[in-house]
Amino acid sequence: MEFKKNNQKYKFWHSPIVLLVLFIFLIFFIYNIIGLLEKERETSHKKELALEQLSELRSREDALNKDILKFKTEEGQEEIIREKYQVAKEGEKMVVIVDESSLDERLVEKEESHGFWNWLKNFFNEKR
């Protein structure tokens, strides 16, 4: 009798319909696990990118803090003023380097712009 009861239990679990339903559940769970693995990979990639950005921002913060400390000193302020306004202290001399090719072009333009024919040409070429 006991054998028949156990056999009936096994018969139910070994029936093709129950096995098919269990197989469908198994496929469903495998599909979901694959989706979770893909999301985990994407999340870890985004985490790496965020950590890289964080390290870049921290190094930039350190550089900016060093610049702030540097510019709080008198030498730093002097450097800022010299860079921005191109000035020199009293007693210092500045050398200005001028590009000769741009000067030559300007002189040629000035020479060509004189005369009646050039004035007449410029008069009719003006855009109104």
Protein backbone atom coordinates (compact mmCIF):
# COMPACT_ATOMS: atom_id res chain seq x y z
CA MET A 1 0.00 0.00 0.00
CA GLU A 2 2.71 2.36 0.95
CA PHE A 3 4.49 1.58 -2.22
CA LYS A 4 1.45 2.52 -4.27
CA LYS A 5 1.13 5.89 -2.47
CA ASN A 6 4.76 6.73 -3.11
CA ASN A 7 4.43 5.52 -6.66
CA GLN A 8 1.38 7.76 -7.22
CA LYS A 9 3.30 10.78 -5.89
CA TYR A 10 6.14 10.07 -8.24
CA LYS A 11 3.75 9.43 -11.06
CA PHE A 12 2.32 12.95 -10.63
CA TRP A 13 5.76 14.61 -10.66
CA HIS A 14 6.94 12.50 -13.55
CA SER A 15 3.94 13.16 -15.74
CA PRO A 16 4.72 14.97 -19.00
CA ILE A 17 2.50 17.97 -18.20
CA VAL A 18 4.18 18.68 -14.86
CA LEU A 19 7.62 18.19 -16.37
CA LEU A 20 6.72 20.57 -19.21
CA VAL A 21 5.51 23.22 -16.73
CA LEU A 22 8.69 22.81 -14.66
CA PHE A 23 10.79 23.08 -17.82
CA ILE A 24 8.98 26.30 -18.80
CA PHE A 25 9.64 27.74 -15.31
CA LEU A 26 13.28 26.73 -15.63
CA ILE A 27 13.63 28.51 -18.99
CA PHE A 28 11.86 31.58 -17.59
CA PHE A 29 14.27 31.76 -14.63
CA ILE A 30 17.32 31.23 -16.86
CA TYR A 31 16.13 34.05 -19.13
CA ASN A 32 15.74 36.36 -16.11
CA ILE A 33 19.17 35.40 -14.76
CA ILE A 34 20.77 36.23 -18.13
CA GLY A 35 19.04 39.63 -18.06
CA LEU A 36 20.31 40.25 -14.53
CA LEU A 37 23.86 39.34 -15.57
CA GLU A 38 23.72 41.83 -18.46
CA LYS A 39 22.43 44.55 -16.13
CA GLU A 40 25.20 43.73 -13.64
CA ARG A 41 27.85 44.12 -16.37
CA GLU A 42 26.37 47.43 -17.46
CA THR A 43 26.22 48.64 -13.88
CA SER A 44 29.83 47.68 -13.21
CA HIS A 45 30.91 49.49 -16.40
CA LYS A 46 29.03 52.61 -15.33
CA LYS A 47 30.58 52.32 -11.88
CA GLU A 48 34.07 52.24 -13.39
CA LEU A 49 33.29 55.33 -15.47
CA ALA A 50 31.95 57.13 -12.42
CA LEU A 51 35.06 56.24 -10.41
CA GLU A 52 37.29 57.53 -13.23
CA GLN A 53 35.32 60.79 -13.31
CA LEU A 54 35.57 61.04 -9.54
CA SER A 55 39.34 60.61 -9.60
CA GLU A 56 39.64 63.20 -12.40
CA LEU A 57 37.49 65.64 -10.44
CA ARG A 58 39.53 65.09 -7.28
CA SER A 59 42.80 65.72 -9.12
CA ARG A 60 41.28 68.84 -10.68
CA GLU A 61 40.09 69.96 -7.24
CA ASP A 62 43.61 69.51 -5.87
CA ALA A 63 45.08 71.53 -8.74
CA LEU A 64 42.51 74.30 -8.25
CA ASN A 65 43.16 74.38 -4.51
CA LYS A 66 46.90 74.71 -5.18
CA ASP A 67 46.17 77.55 -7.62
CA ILE A 68 43.96 79.27 -5.04
CA LEU A 69 46.69 79.04 -2.42
CA LYS A 70 49.23 80.28 -4.95
CA PHE A 71 47.08 83.24 -5.97
CA LYS A 72 46.51 84.28 -2.37
CA THR A 73 50.18 85.17 -2.17
CA GLU A 74 51.58 88.45 -3.44
CA GLU A 75 53.65 86.71 -6.13
CA GLY A 76 50.58 84.87 -7.38
CA GLN A 77 48.54 88.05 -7.63
CA GLU A 78 51.39 89.72 -9.47
CA GLU A 79 51.51 86.80 -11.91
CA ILE A 80 47.78 87.10 -12.61
CA ILE A 81 48.06 90.84 -13.26
CA ARG A 82 51.08 90.36 -15.55
CA GLU A 83 49.32 87.66 -17.57
CA LYS A 84 45.99 89.45 -17.89
CA TYR A 85 47.05 93.02 -18.47
CA GLN A 86 50.60 92.61 -19.83
CA VAL A 87 52.13 95.19 -17.54
CA ALA A 88 55.59 95.65 -16.06
CA LYS A 89 56.84 97.03 -12.76
CA GLU A 90 58.58 100.35 -12.50
CA GLY A 91 62.15 100.01 -13.68
CA GLU A 92 61.42 96.88 -15.71
CA LYS A 93 61.59 96.93 -19.47
CA MET A 94 59.24 95.09 -21.79
CA VAL A 95 60.07 93.79 -25.21
CA VAL A 96 57.25 93.68 -27.73
CA ILE A 97 57.78 91.35 -30.67
CA VAL A 98 55.89 92.39 -33.78
CA ASP A 99 55.31 90.07 -36.69
CA GLU A 100 56.91 91.76 -39.71
CA SER A 101 54.75 90.01 -42.29
CA SER A 102 51.57 91.53 -40.87
CA LEU A 103 53.21 94.99 -40.92
CA ASP A 104 54.25 94.55 -44.55
CA GLU A 105 50.68 93.60 -45.51
CA ARG A 106 49.29 96.67 -43.79
CA LEU A 107 51.82 98.94 -45.52
CA VAL A 108 51.00 97.45 -48.92
CA GLU A 109 47.27 97.96 -48.29
CA LYS A 110 47.87 101.59 -47.35
CA GLU A 111 50.00 102.19 -50.45
CA GLU A 112 47.39 100.64 -52.72
CA SER A 113 44.54 102.60 -51.21
CA HIS A 114 45.86 105.95 -52.49
CA GLY A 115 44.98 107.48 -55.85
CA PHE A 116 41.95 108.43 -57.85
CA TRP A 117 41.41 105.03 -59.48
CA ASN A 118 41.60 103.17 -56.16
CA TRP A 119 39.18 105.67 -54.62
CA LEU A 120 36.80 105.18 -57.54
CA LYS A 121 37.12 101.36 -57.32
CA ASN A 122 36.52 101.41 -53.55
CA PHE A 123 33.57 103.77 -54.01
CA PHE A 124 31.72 101.33 -56.30
CA ASN A 125 32.78 98.20 -54.38
CA GLU A 126 31.34 99.41 -51.06
CA LYS A 127 28.43 97.34 -49.90
CA ARG A 128 25.47 99.27 -48.68
